[in-house]
Amino acid sequence: QVQLIESGGGLVQAGGSLRLSCAASGRTISNYAMGWFRQAPGKEREFVAAITWISATDYTDSVKGRFTISRDSAKNTVYLQMNSLKPEDTAVYYCAGRNRLSLSTAEGGYDYWGQGTQVTVSS
């Protein structure tokens, strides 16, 4: 079993930056594909970004050029650097992992989930 714990959320003004971390425990995630999803109030959870074991990445269009997903295998941790934040980025952000080499943009493609961290962007 893999446990995922997110951190780094908070309140930030529009245009600001945050870095989310997702620390894994229980086993190494070095060959897992990892993803970030988010859920805004009243909306369904949506894909944000994903990264493969060799650091190939994919992003939803609304965050391209602003967000960067990365991983540190030595720390068993995945990151989401979020720059130029907008009020519409406000959501609970979830880390997810899948024991496969390829990434997925589908919520159902992931086996493990964290509890989420709140990101609030004020205008």
C-alpha atoms as a PDB file:
ATOM      1  CA  GLN A   1       0.000   0.000   0.000  1.00  0.00           C
ATOM      2  CA  VAL A   2       1.049   3.551  -0.725  1.00  0.00           C
ATOM      3  CA  GLN A   3       0.090   6.479   1.470  1.00  0.00           C
ATOM      4  CA  LEU A   4       0.172   9.958  -0.074  1.00  0.00           C
ATOM      5  CA  ILE A   5       0.245  13.119   2.006  1.00  0.00           C
ATOM      6  CA  GLU A   6      -0.098  16.537   0.400  1.00  0.00           C
ATOM      7  CA  SER A   7       1.196  19.775   1.871  1.00  0.00           C
ATOM      8  CA  GLY A   8       1.901  23.324   0.799  1.00  0.00           C
ATOM      9  CA  GLY A   9      -1.587  24.635   0.257  1.00  0.00           C
ATOM     10  CA  GLY A  10      -2.753  27.950   1.617  1.00  0.00           C
ATOM     11  CA  LEU A  11      -4.110  31.396   0.852  1.00  0.00           C
ATOM     12  CA  VAL A  12      -2.352  33.497  -1.781  1.00  0.00           C
ATOM     13  CA  GLN A  13      -3.171  36.608  -3.766  1.00  0.00           C
ATOM     14  CA  ALA A  14      -3.777  36.444  -7.485  1.00  0.00           C
ATOM     15  CA  GLY A  15      -0.474  36.420  -9.338  1.00  0.00           C
ATOM     16  CA  GLY A  16       1.282  34.675  -6.485  1.00  0.00           C
ATOM     17  CA  SER A  17       2.894  31.250  -6.263  1.00  0.00           C
ATOM     18  CA  LEU A  18       2.626  28.108  -4.199  1.00  0.00           C
ATOM     19  CA  ARG A  19       4.453  24.786  -4.290  1.00  0.00           C
ATOM     20  CA  LEU A  20       2.524  21.703  -3.354  1.00  0.00           C
ATOM     21  CA  SER A  21       4.303  18.580  -2.176  1.00  0.00           C
ATOM     22  CA  CYS A  22       3.099  15.002  -2.178  1.00  0.00           C
ATOM     23  CA  ALA A  23       5.134  12.722   0.051  1.00  0.00           C
ATOM     24  CA  ALA A  24       4.696   8.995  -0.419  1.00  0.00           C
ATOM     25  CA  SER A  25       5.243   6.322   2.189  1.00  0.00           C
ATOM     26  CA  GLY A  26       4.776   2.591   2.310  1.00  0.00           C
ATOM     27  CA  ARG A  27       6.782   1.847  -0.796  1.00  0.00           C
ATOM     28  CA  THR A  28       8.847   3.605  -3.389  1.00  0.00           C
ATOM     29  CA  ILE A  29       6.945   5.448  -6.121  1.00  0.00           C
ATOM     30  CA  SER A  30       9.961   5.781  -8.408  1.00  0.00           C
ATOM     31  CA  ASN A  31       8.284   3.715 -11.148  1.00  0.00           C
ATOM     32  CA  TYR A  32       4.775   5.046 -10.532  1.00  0.00           C
ATOM     33  CA  ALA A  33       3.042   7.611 -12.677  1.00  0.00           C
ATOM     34  CA  MET A  34       1.804  10.421 -10.462  1.00  0.00           C
ATOM     35  CA  GLY A  35      -0.859  13.035 -10.938  1.00  0.00           C
ATOM     36  CA  TRP A  36      -2.443  16.095  -9.450  1.00  0.00           C
ATOM     37  CA  PHE A  37      -6.171  16.710  -9.557  1.00  0.00           C
ATOM     38  CA  ARG A  38      -8.307  19.470  -8.091  1.00  0.00           C
ATOM     39  CA  GLN A  39     -11.894  19.966  -7.033  1.00  0.00           C
ATOM     40  CA  ALA A  40     -13.479  23.384  -6.755  1.00  0.00           C
ATOM     41  CA  PRO A  41     -16.657  23.940  -4.713  1.00  0.00           C
ATOM     42  CA  GLY A  42     -19.679  22.613  -6.543  1.00  0.00           C
ATOM     43  CA  LYS A  43     -17.609  21.091  -9.317  1.00  0.00           C
ATOM     44  CA  GLU A  44     -16.302  17.665 -10.189  1.00  0.00           C
ATOM     45  CA  ARG A  45     -12.700  16.728  -9.577  1.00  0.00           C
ATOM     46  CA  GLU A  46     -10.572  17.496 -12.618  1.00  0.00           C
ATOM     47  CA  PHE A  47      -7.134  16.585 -13.937  1.00  0.00           C
ATOM     48  CA  VAL A  48      -4.376  19.166 -13.488  1.00  0.00           C
ATOM     49  CA  ALA A  49      -1.029  17.546 -14.259  1.00  0.00           C
ATOM     50  CA  ALA A  50       0.729  14.193 -14.410  1.00  0.00           C
ATOM     51  CA  ILE A  51       4.251  12.839 -14.624  1.00  0.00           C
ATOM     52  CA  THR A  52       5.691   9.467 -15.609  1.00  0.00           C
ATOM     53  CA  TRP A  53       8.575   7.632 -13.998  1.00  0.00           C
ATOM     54  CA  ILE A  54      10.951   9.193 -16.550  1.00  0.00           C
ATOM     55  CA  SER A  55       9.420  12.639 -15.999  1.00  0.00           C
ATOM     56  CA  ALA A  56       7.349  12.925 -19.139  1.00  0.00           C
ATOM     57  CA  THR A  57       4.541  15.323 -18.274  1.00  0.00           C
ATOM     58  CA  ASP A  58       1.053  16.371 -19.286  1.00  0.00           C
ATOM     59  CA  TYR A  59      -1.072  19.323 -18.202  1.00  0.00           C
ATOM     60  CA  THR A  60      -4.604  20.498 -18.577  1.00  0.00           C
ATOM     61  CA  ASP A  61      -4.762  23.480 -20.929  1.00  0.00           C
ATOM     62  CA  SER A  62      -5.760  25.995 -18.266  1.00  0.00           C
ATOM     63  CA  VAL A  63      -2.500  25.561 -16.318  1.00  0.00           C
ATOM     64  CA  LYS A  64       0.005  25.144 -19.155  1.00  0.00           C
ATOM     65  CA  GLY A  65       2.821  27.660 -18.811  1.00  0.00           C
ATOM     66  CA  ARG A  66       1.908  28.385 -15.185  1.00  0.00           C
ATOM     67  CA  PHE A  67       2.172  25.047 -13.355  1.00  0.00           C
ATOM     68  CA  THR A  68       5.069  22.597 -13.327  1.00  0.00           C
ATOM     69  CA  ILE A  69       4.953  19.038 -12.039  1.00  0.00           C
ATOM     70  CA  SER A  70       8.193  17.373 -10.965  1.00  0.00           C
ATOM     71  CA  ARG A  71       9.431  14.494  -8.869  1.00  0.00           C
ATOM     72  CA  ASP A  72      12.336  13.675  -6.586  1.00  0.00           C
ATOM     73  CA  SER A  73      12.776   9.919  -6.428  1.00  0.00           C
ATOM     74  CA  ALA A  74      15.322  10.151  -3.627  1.00  0.00           C
ATOM     75  CA  LYS A  75      12.696  11.859  -1.465  1.00  0.00           C
ATOM     76  CA  ASN A  76       9.794   9.760  -2.773  1.00  0.00           C
ATOM     77  CA  THR A  77       8.008  13.031  -3.383  1.00  0.00           C
ATOM     78  CA  VAL A  78       6.152  14.753  -6.199  1.00  0.00           C
ATOM     79  CA  TYR A  79       5.724  18.500  -6.500  1.00  0.00           C
ATOM     80  CA  LEU A  80       3.402  20.938  -8.199  1.00  0.00           C
ATOM     81  CA  GLN A  81       4.862  24.409  -8.638  1.00  0.00           C
ATOM     82  CA  MET A  82       2.031  26.853  -9.264  1.00  0.00           C
ATOM     83  CA  ASN A  83       2.845  30.324 -10.558  1.00  0.00           C
ATOM     84  CA  SER A  84       0.679  33.232 -11.732  1.00  0.00           C
ATOM     85  CA  LEU A  85      -2.201  31.873  -9.706  1.00  0.00           C
ATOM     86  CA  LYS A  86      -5.727  32.960 -10.539  1.00  0.00           C
ATOM     87  CA  PRO A  87      -8.893  32.947  -8.430  1.00  0.00           C
ATOM     88  CA  GLU A  88     -10.231  30.158 -10.641  1.00  0.00           C
ATOM     89  CA  ASP A  89      -7.374  27.952  -9.410  1.00  0.00           C
ATOM     90  CA  THR A  90      -9.039  27.871  -5.987  1.00  0.00           C
ATOM     91  CA  ALA A  91      -9.752  24.240  -5.125  1.00  0.00           C
ATOM     92  CA  VAL A  92      -8.740  21.298  -3.022  1.00  0.00           C
ATOM     93  CA  TYR A  93      -5.721  19.744  -4.721  1.00  0.00           C
ATOM     94  CA  TYR A  94      -5.229  15.995  -4.605  1.00  0.00           C
ATOM     95  CA  CYS A  95      -2.164  13.901  -5.319  1.00  0.00           C
ATOM     96  CA  ALA A  96      -2.706  10.531  -6.975  1.00  0.00           C
ATOM     97  CA  GLY A  97      -0.518   7.593  -7.930  1.00  0.00           C
ATOM     98  CA  ARG A  98      -0.759   4.631 -10.275  1.00  0.00           C
ATOM     99  CA  ASN A  99       1.500   1.581 -10.431  1.00  0.00           C
ATOM    100  CA  ARG A 100       2.047   1.893 -14.165  1.00  0.00           C
ATOM    101  CA  LEU A 101       4.722   3.454 -16.335  1.00  0.00           C
ATOM    102  CA  SER A 102       2.323   5.540 -18.408  1.00  0.00           C
ATOM    103  CA  LEU A 103       0.475   8.549 -17.071  1.00  0.00           C
ATOM    104  CA  SER A 104      -3.270   9.027 -17.095  1.00  0.00           C
ATOM    105  CA  THR A 105      -5.500  12.091 -17.170  1.00  0.00           C
ATOM    106  CA  ALA A 106      -8.485  10.122 -15.878  1.00  0.00           C
ATOM    107  CA  GLU A 107      -9.448  10.051 -12.239  1.00  0.00           C
ATOM    108  CA  GLY A 108     -10.271   6.354 -12.553  1.00  0.00           C
ATOM    109  CA  GLY A 109      -6.754   5.633 -13.767  1.00  0.00           C
ATOM    110  CA  TYR A 110      -5.223   6.099 -10.333  1.00  0.00           C
ATOM    111  CA  ASP A 111      -4.947   3.600  -7.512  1.00  0.00           C
ATOM    112  CA  TYR A 112      -3.873   5.776  -4.614  1.00  0.00           C
ATOM    113  CA  TRP A 113      -5.060   9.185  -3.411  1.00  0.00           C
ATOM    114  CA  GLY A 114      -4.068  11.695  -0.788  1.00  0.00           C
ATOM    115  CA  GLN A 115      -6.475  13.574   1.454  1.00  0.00           C
ATOM    116  CA  GLY A 116      -6.065  16.863  -0.372  1.00  0.00           C
ATOM    117  CA  THR A 117      -4.752  20.318   0.438  1.00  0.00           C
ATOM    118  CA  GLN A 118      -6.728  23.541   0.103  1.00  0.00           C
ATOM    119  CA  VAL A 119      -5.504  26.252  -2.252  1.00  0.00           C
ATOM    120  CA  THR A 120      -7.310  29.582  -2.114  1.00  0.00           C
ATOM    121  CA  VAL A 121      -6.441  32.426  -4.483  1.00  0.00           C
ATOM    122  CA  SER A 122      -7.866  35.815  -3.614  1.00  0.00           C
ATOM    123  CA  SER A 123      -8.520  38.498  -6.212  1.00  0.00           C
END
